[in-house]
Amino acid sequence: MANANYEQFPEGFTLEYLTRVIYTAEKKTFISGIECLHYYLDKIRNKESAKIIFSGDSTTAGGGVVDPHYYIDNLLEEFFSDVGVPNISIVNSGYAGATTGDWITSHLSADMAQNPDLYIIRFGINDGVVSASTRLTTFTDNLRSGLTTIRNSRDVEDLSIVLVTPNAMNADSSRNNEWIDEIYPVIRKASADFKCCFVDIYNYMHDPAAYWTDEAVLHPNDTSTAMYLDLYLDFIYPRIFQATNHHIYAFSLINSWTAESGSTPGMYKDGNGIIHLTGMIKDGIYAPNTVICDAVPDAYRPAQNVIVYSGADSFVVSWNGTIWCRSVASNTLISLDGISYLAASYR
């Protein structure tokens, strides 16, 4: 197979074993072209709302997942909840049996109608189940046709796209690693031509062993789905944002407690799973056991009741989502800044 389909690699990288890329640097890299995601990453950095759509076949839909908790969209929703990011919506647009032909005739228009900010595309396994003499050409034409349609209406400044290789597999004579070797350079070249990030889960877990897939040796199982998402998080929500991009959850105060003018009482979670309270409150009922907030989200709750202090005043943050007065001397003005505790659910 000719190498003409490959873009040029940076100095220090080589091509080996036909279509598989083996990096000669100290650490293997499975993500390239992350600069093409600046539209989405800027929204994340600026704490703006964003929509992520996973589009693909049954390997995206979760055909090998046993525990629904491990569907990739459910895992990602839990992750964003755990790190305290409230304004990211996630859609799983995976369809069993889908090919790139189905994508360009049906699913693509439905996906674009939802106005995604990050569009993660993963097709290919079912395109192999056609005539061996035409399947590569058909896959190539369909993939590039779909990407042309997208970029004609939304360029890299208006939509971030990720092209993901199929996972390693050995299901039958048409859906196996040999087929992935054929389409790998097509996906990689399309990612460069259409300004998409490229993610190589094929080489990330290259052995299609039963302990990474379902019994058909086709679909990722619970464990490998989680591992793939862990790789994706390098661009979906980089660790530096987890440590610095604090989204404040504003309290719904009750029992006459109000916010000081110009203050937003609330809490945020840092990258170590520590909850930090912030803001100033006043004028509420401060008798012992009086609840000041009764709607702390699950991701911000401690494993068990904890006592926290603001000067000489003390409060209890409970495991069931309430904050109440323990020993408060006055309701004139209380600062919550500096109060912190460990969340039960953290990363």
Protein backbone atom coordinates (compact mmCIF):
# COMPACT_ATOMS: atom_id res chain seq x y z
CA MET A 1 0.00 0.00 0.00
CA ALA A 2 1.47 3.34 -1.00
CA ASN A 3 2.34 5.91 1.62
CA ALA A 4 0.88 8.77 -0.45
CA ASN A 5 -2.23 8.79 1.71
CA TYR A 6 -0.29 9.90 4.79
CA GLU A 7 0.37 13.45 5.81
CA GLN A 8 3.92 14.34 6.82
CA PHE A 9 4.85 13.45 10.39
CA PRO A 10 6.97 15.66 12.63
CA GLU A 11 10.68 14.95 12.80
CA GLY A 12 11.42 11.94 14.95
CA PHE A 13 8.38 9.90 13.86
CA THR A 14 8.32 7.00 11.40
CA LEU A 15 5.78 4.81 9.60
CA GLU A 16 5.95 1.09 10.12
CA TYR A 17 3.94 -2.01 9.32
CA LEU A 18 1.91 -0.58 6.44
CA THR A 19 -0.87 1.47 8.00
CA ARG A 20 0.00 1.33 11.69
CA VAL A 21 1.84 4.26 13.18
CA ILE A 22 4.55 3.51 15.70
CA TYR A 23 6.00 6.57 17.37
CA THR A 24 9.73 6.51 18.13
CA ALA A 25 9.52 9.11 20.86
CA GLU A 26 9.82 8.04 24.48
CA LYS A 27 6.06 8.02 24.96
CA LYS A 28 3.54 6.72 22.43
CA THR A 29 0.93 9.22 21.31
CA PHE A 30 -2.54 8.26 20.18
CA ILE A 31 -4.01 11.75 19.68
CA SER A 32 -2.90 14.25 17.04
CA GLY A 33 -4.29 17.45 15.59
CA ILE A 34 -5.62 18.70 18.93
CA GLU A 35 -5.06 22.23 17.61
CA CYS A 36 -8.14 21.67 15.45
CA LEU A 37 -10.28 21.64 18.61
CA HIS A 38 -9.66 25.25 19.62
CA TYR A 39 -13.32 26.22 19.06
CA TYR A 40 -14.55 23.66 21.60
CA LEU A 41 -11.64 24.08 24.02
CA ASP A 42 -12.13 27.85 24.10
CA LYS A 43 -15.74 27.28 25.15
CA ILE A 44 -14.57 24.95 27.93
CA ARG A 45 -11.88 27.38 29.06
CA ASN A 46 -14.42 30.19 29.18
CA LYS A 47 -16.92 28.01 31.12
CA GLU A 48 -19.50 28.28 28.34
CA SER A 49 -22.15 25.67 27.66
CA ALA A 50 -21.25 23.04 25.07
CA LYS A 51 -22.78 20.01 23.36
CA ILE A 52 -20.83 16.83 22.59
CA ILE A 53 -22.18 14.25 20.13
CA PHE A 54 -20.72 10.77 19.73
CA SER A 55 -21.70 9.53 16.26
CA GLY A 56 -21.04 5.99 15.10
CA ASP A 57 -22.12 2.37 14.96
CA SER A 58 -22.78 -0.19 17.69
CA THR A 59 -19.26 0.24 19.11
CA THR A 60 -20.29 3.81 19.94
CA ALA A 61 -23.82 2.84 21.01
CA GLY A 62 -22.36 0.41 23.54
CA GLY A 63 -23.10 -2.94 21.95
CA GLY A 64 -20.65 -4.73 24.24
CA VAL A 65 -21.49 -2.87 27.44
CA VAL A 66 -23.21 -4.91 30.16
CA ASP A 67 -23.64 -2.34 32.93
CA PRO A 68 -25.54 0.73 31.60
CA HIS A 69 -23.36 2.85 33.85
CA TYR A 70 -20.53 2.20 31.37
CA TYR A 71 -22.19 3.57 28.24
CA ILE A 72 -19.75 6.22 27.12
CA ASP A 73 -22.26 9.06 27.40
CA ASN A 74 -23.26 7.99 30.93
CA LEU A 75 -19.61 7.78 32.00
CA LEU A 76 -18.91 11.23 30.62
CA GLU A 77 -21.99 12.74 32.26
CA GLU A 78 -20.83 11.32 35.59
CA PHE A 79 -17.35 12.68 35.03
CA PHE A 80 -18.60 16.21 34.39
CA SER A 81 -20.82 15.95 37.45
CA ASP A 82 -17.90 14.81 39.56
CA VAL A 83 -15.65 17.68 38.47
CA GLY A 84 -18.46 20.18 38.94
CA VAL A 85 -19.12 21.20 35.32
CA PRO A 86 -22.87 21.71 34.98
CA ASN A 87 -23.34 23.01 31.44
CA ILE A 88 -22.13 20.24 29.10
CA SER A 89 -24.76 18.16 27.28
CA ILE A 90 -23.84 14.79 25.79
CA VAL A 91 -25.60 12.80 23.07
CA ASN A 92 -24.87 9.20 22.07
CA SER A 93 -25.78 8.95 18.39
CA GLY A 94 -24.53 5.40 17.88
CA TYR A 95 -26.64 2.99 15.80
CA ALA A 96 -26.20 -0.76 15.56
CA GLY A 97 -25.15 -1.86 12.09
CA ALA A 98 -24.54 1.68 10.86
CA THR A 99 -22.10 2.34 8.02
CA THR A 100 -20.68 5.55 6.61
CA GLY A 101 -23.42 5.26 3.98
CA ASP A 102 -26.08 5.36 6.70
CA TRP A 103 -24.24 8.26 8.29
CA ILE A 104 -24.28 10.51 5.24
CA THR A 105 -27.87 9.67 4.24
CA SER A 106 -29.56 9.75 7.65
CA HIS A 107 -27.58 10.29 10.82
CA LEU A 108 -25.38 13.21 9.78
CA SER A 109 -28.25 15.62 9.17
CA ALA A 110 -29.89 14.62 12.46
CA ASP A 111 -26.62 15.16 14.31
CA MET A 112 -25.99 18.57 12.76
CA ALA A 113 -29.55 19.65 13.56
CA GLN A 114 -28.60 19.33 17.25
CA ASN A 115 -25.84 21.93 16.76
CA PRO A 116 -22.90 20.16 18.40
CA ASP A 117 -19.75 21.97 19.50
CA LEU A 118 -17.64 18.81 19.59
CA TYR A 119 -18.50 16.08 17.09
CA ILE A 120 -16.79 12.72 17.67
CA ILE A 121 -17.10 10.40 14.65
CA ARG A 122 -16.30 6.69 14.74
CA PHE A 123 -17.43 4.54 11.81
CA GLY A 124 -15.87 1.77 9.78
CA ILE A 125 -16.50 -1.70 11.18
CA ASN A 126 -19.65 -2.37 9.18
CA ASP A 127 -18.30 -0.86 5.96
CA GLY A 128 -16.15 -3.96 5.63
CA VAL A 129 -19.17 -6.22 5.16
CA VAL A 130 -19.53 -5.52 1.43
CA SER A 131 -17.66 -6.48 -1.71
CA ALA A 132 -13.94 -6.61 -0.98
CA SER A 133 -13.20 -4.99 -4.34
CA THR A 134 -15.21 -1.82 -3.62
CA ARG A 135 -15.42 -1.47 0.16
CA LEU A 136 -12.32 0.71 0.61
CA THR A 137 -13.35 3.11 -2.15
CA THR A 138 -16.90 3.29 -0.82
CA PHE A 139 -15.72 3.97 2.73
CA THR A 140 -13.31 6.65 1.54
CA ASP A 141 -15.90 8.40 -0.61
CA ASN A 142 -18.56 8.32 2.09
CA LEU A 143 -16.29 9.59 4.86
CA ARG A 144 -14.96 12.45 2.77
CA SER A 145 -18.44 13.29 1.44
CA GLY A 146 -19.81 13.59 4.96
CA LEU A 147 -16.90 15.74 6.13
CA THR A 148 -17.25 17.95 3.06
CA THR A 149 -20.93 18.48 3.88
CA ILE A 150 -20.06 19.47 7.45
CA ARG A 151 -17.21 21.81 6.57
CA ASN A 152 -19.28 23.53 3.87
CA SER A 153 -21.53 24.86 6.63
CA ARG A 154 -19.32 24.84 9.72
CA ASP A 155 -15.59 25.33 9.45
CA VAL A 156 -12.95 24.68 12.10
CA GLU A 157 -13.74 28.05 13.70
CA ASP A 158 -17.34 26.96 14.29
CA LEU A 159 -17.20 23.21 15.00
CA SER A 160 -14.56 20.90 16.43
CA ILE A 161 -14.47 17.41 14.92
CA VAL A 162 -12.70 14.28 16.13
CA LEU A 163 -12.17 11.29 13.84
CA VAL A 164 -11.68 8.09 15.80
CA THR A 165 -10.43 4.84 14.33
CA PRO A 166 -12.45 1.68 14.92
CA ASN A 167 -11.27 -0.43 17.83
CA ALA A 168 -9.25 -3.58 17.23
CA MET A 169 -11.49 -6.56 16.48
CA ASN A 170 -11.59 -10.09 15.12
CA ALA A 171 -15.30 -10.78 14.67
CA ASP A 172 -15.32 -12.42 11.24
CA SER A 173 -13.64 -12.40 7.83
CA SER A 174 -14.87 -8.86 7.09
CA ARG A 175 -14.66 -7.15 10.47
CA ASN A 176 -11.14 -7.64 11.71
CA ASN A 177 -7.79 -5.91 12.12
CA GLU A 178 -6.90 -6.48 8.46
CA TRP A 179 -9.87 -4.30 7.46
CA ILE A 180 -8.90 -1.63 9.98
CA ASP A 181 -5.40 -1.62 8.50
CA GLU A 182 -6.97 -0.73 5.14
CA ILE A 183 -9.08 2.19 6.37
CA TYR A 184 -6.63 3.53 8.96
CA PRO A 185 -4.70 5.77 6.50
CA VAL A 186 -7.98 6.97 4.99
CA ILE A 187 -9.20 8.19 8.38
CA ARG A 188 -5.87 9.75 9.23
CA LYS A 189 -5.60 11.62 5.92
CA ALA A 190 -9.22 12.83 6.20
CA SER A 191 -8.47 14.21 9.66
CA ALA A 192 -5.68 16.35 8.19
CA ASP A 193 -7.59 17.40 5.07
CA PHE A 194 -10.72 18.46 6.97
CA LYS A 195 -9.00 19.92 10.06
CA CYS A 196 -10.09 17.25 12.51
CA CYS A 197 -8.40 15.84 15.58
CA PHE A 198 -7.32 12.21 15.02
CA VAL A 199 -7.63 9.59 17.78
CA ASP A 200 -6.06 6.17 17.37
CA ILE A 201 -7.88 3.70 19.62
CA TYR A 202 -6.89 0.91 17.22
CA ASN A 203 -3.27 0.98 18.39
CA TYR A 204 -4.21 2.11 21.90
CA MET A 205 -5.51 -1.44 22.44
CA HIS A 206 -4.32 -3.36 19.41
CA ASP A 207 -4.94 -6.91 20.62
CA PRO A 208 -8.64 -7.75 19.99
CA ALA A 209 -8.67 -10.19 22.88
CA ALA A 210 -11.87 -11.32 24.55
CA TYR A 211 -11.01 -9.53 27.78
CA TRP A 212 -11.30 -6.17 25.95
CA THR A 213 -14.36 -6.98 23.85
CA ASP A 214 -17.65 -8.86 23.99
CA GLU A 215 -18.01 -12.52 23.01
CA ALA A 216 -18.15 -11.54 19.34
CA VAL A 217 -14.66 -9.98 19.67
CA LEU A 218 -16.16 -6.87 18.13
CA HIS A 219 -17.61 -4.43 20.66
CA PRO A 220 -15.66 -2.82 23.51
CA ASN A 221 -16.78 -4.10 26.89
CA ASP A 222 -17.31 -2.10 30.08
CA THR A 223 -13.61 -1.88 30.93
CA SER A 224 -12.31 -0.92 27.49
CA THR A 225 -15.12 1.63 27.00
CA ALA A 226 -13.97 3.31 30.21
CA MET A 227 -10.35 3.18 29.04
CA TYR A 228 -11.24 4.77 25.69
CA LEU A 229 -13.06 7.59 27.46
CA ASP A 230 -10.05 8.09 29.72
CA LEU A 231 -8.02 8.67 26.54
CA TYR A 232 -10.66 11.03 25.12
CA LEU A 233 -10.58 13.14 28.29
CA ASP A 234 -7.19 14.47 27.22
CA PHE A 235 -9.08 16.65 24.74
CA ILE A 236 -12.66 16.65 26.10
CA TYR A 237 -11.64 18.17 29.44
CA PRO A 238 -7.86 18.52 29.86
CA ARG A 239 -6.50 18.07 33.36
CA ILE A 240 -5.33 21.67 33.59
CA PHE A 241 -8.96 22.80 33.27
CA GLN A 242 -9.97 20.37 36.00
CA ALA A 243 -7.48 22.08 38.32
CA THR A 244 -8.20 25.70 37.39
CA ASN A 245 -11.64 26.02 35.76
CA HIS A 246 -13.82 26.20 38.85
CA HIS A 247 -17.55 26.21 38.15
CA ILE A 248 -19.37 27.61 41.17
CA TYR A 249 -22.58 25.90 42.15
CA ALA A 250 -24.74 28.67 43.64
CA PHE A 251 -26.64 27.84 46.81
CA SER A 252 -30.42 27.97 47.04
CA LEU A 253 -30.63 29.56 50.49
CA ILE A 254 -33.62 28.93 52.77
CA ASN A 255 -34.89 29.89 56.23
CA SER A 256 -34.43 33.61 55.57
CA TRP A 257 -30.72 33.35 54.73
CA THR A 258 -29.73 35.69 51.89
CA ALA A 259 -26.60 36.58 49.99
CA GLU A 260 -24.64 39.70 50.78
CA SER A 261 -24.91 42.26 47.98
CA GLY A 262 -22.37 41.46 45.25
CA SER A 263 -21.70 37.99 46.61
CA THR A 264 -22.67 34.58 45.20
CA PRO A 265 -22.65 32.01 47.99
CA GLY A 266 -21.86 28.58 46.63
CA MET A 267 -19.24 25.91 46.23
CA TYR A 268 -16.85 24.51 43.66
CA LYS A 269 -14.77 21.37 43.30
CA ASP A 270 -11.06 21.43 42.52
CA GLY A 271 -9.08 18.83 40.59
CA ASN A 272 -8.36 16.84 43.77
CA GLY A 273 -11.99 16.39 44.74
CA ILE A 274 -11.89 19.06 47.45
CA ILE A 275 -15.06 21.15 47.83
CA HIS A 276 -14.51 24.85 48.53
CA LEU A 277 -17.26 27.11 49.83
CA THR A 278 -17.32 30.76 48.81
CA GLY A 279 -19.40 33.91 49.30
CA MET A 280 -21.10 35.67 52.22
CA ILE A 281 -24.52 35.07 53.79
CA LYS A 282 -26.62 36.97 56.33
CA ASP A 283 -29.99 37.56 58.06
CA GLY A 284 -31.13 33.94 58.39
CA ILE A 285 -32.44 31.88 61.29
CA TYR A 286 -29.34 30.62 63.08
CA ALA A 287 -30.71 28.40 65.82
CA PRO A 288 -28.95 25.01 66.04
CA ASN A 289 -30.04 22.48 63.39
CA THR A 290 -31.53 25.18 61.12
CA VAL A 291 -30.93 24.29 57.48
CA ILE A 292 -29.47 27.05 55.34
CA CYS A 293 -29.26 25.04 52.09
CA ASP A 294 -31.01 21.76 51.27
CA ALA A 295 -30.01 21.03 47.67
CA VAL A 296 -26.29 20.22 47.56
CA PRO A 297 -25.73 18.10 44.40
CA ASP A 298 -24.52 14.52 44.79
CA ALA A 299 -21.09 15.30 43.38
CA TYR A 300 -20.47 17.89 46.14
CA ARG A 301 -21.57 15.82 49.14
CA PRO A 302 -19.21 14.29 51.72
CA ALA A 303 -19.21 10.57 52.45
CA GLN A 304 -20.47 11.35 55.96
CA ASN A 305 -21.45 14.45 57.91
CA VAL A 306 -18.58 16.90 58.36
CA ILE A 307 -18.29 19.90 60.66
CA VAL A 308 -16.89 23.04 59.03
CA TYR A 309 -15.95 26.37 60.59
CA SER A 310 -16.13 30.04 59.70
CA GLY A 311 -14.26 31.65 62.52
CA ALA A 312 -16.07 30.65 65.73
CA ASP A 313 -19.25 29.70 63.86
CA SER A 314 -19.72 26.08 62.84
CA PHE A 315 -21.95 24.32 60.32
CA VAL A 316 -22.60 20.72 59.31
CA VAL A 317 -22.41 19.61 55.68
CA SER A 318 -24.39 16.38 55.58
CA TRP A 319 -24.03 13.34 53.37
CA ASN A 320 -27.65 13.74 52.22
CA GLY A 321 -27.26 17.21 50.70
CA THR A 322 -28.08 19.72 53.43
CA ILE A 323 -26.03 22.35 55.22
CA TRP A 324 -27.22 23.36 58.67
CA CYS A 325 -26.23 25.52 61.60
CA ARG A 326 -24.36 23.78 64.42
CA SER A 327 -23.21 26.70 66.55
CA VAL A 328 -23.69 30.18 65.10
CA ALA A 329 -23.38 33.28 67.27
CA SER A 330 -24.84 35.86 64.89
CA ASN A 331 -26.43 36.22 61.49
CA THR A 332 -25.06 39.68 60.77
CA LEU A 333 -22.57 38.56 58.11
CA ILE A 334 -20.84 35.20 57.70
CA SER A 335 -18.08 34.49 55.21
CA LEU A 336 -17.93 31.02 53.72
CA ASP A 337 -14.55 31.57 52.07
CA GLY A 338 -11.86 29.24 53.33
CA ILE A 339 -14.26 26.40 54.22
CA SER A 340 -13.40 23.12 52.50
CA TYR A 341 -13.93 19.37 52.77
CA LEU A 342 -13.43 16.20 50.69
CA ALA A 343 -16.26 15.08 48.43
CA ALA A 344 -17.33 11.46 48.53
CA SER A 345 -17.11 11.29 44.73
CA TYR A 346 -13.87 12.69 43.39
CA ARG A 347 -11.22 12.32 40.66
